[in-house]
């Protein structure tokens, strides 16, 4: 529920660490609905409107990150322009 740039760390060895698990959907575990909807720029507008939560909660966020990384791989200068 809060997959975004501030919650992904890239280490010196290029491995990735995810942090801040307080709004993560974990399978069939009976967890309470989080009291946040995550970083607005990484949320689908419908999620912001309804605060929906479930197994696909980070699908839109993952797509935003994927497209951003693909764009940077093609045009690294975008980092300096938009970071």
Foldseek 3Di string as FASTA:
>chain_A
DADDDVQWDQDPVRDIDGDDCQQPADPPDDDDHDPDLYDVVQADVVCVVPVDHDDCSNVSSVVVVVVVVVVCVVPVVVVVVPD
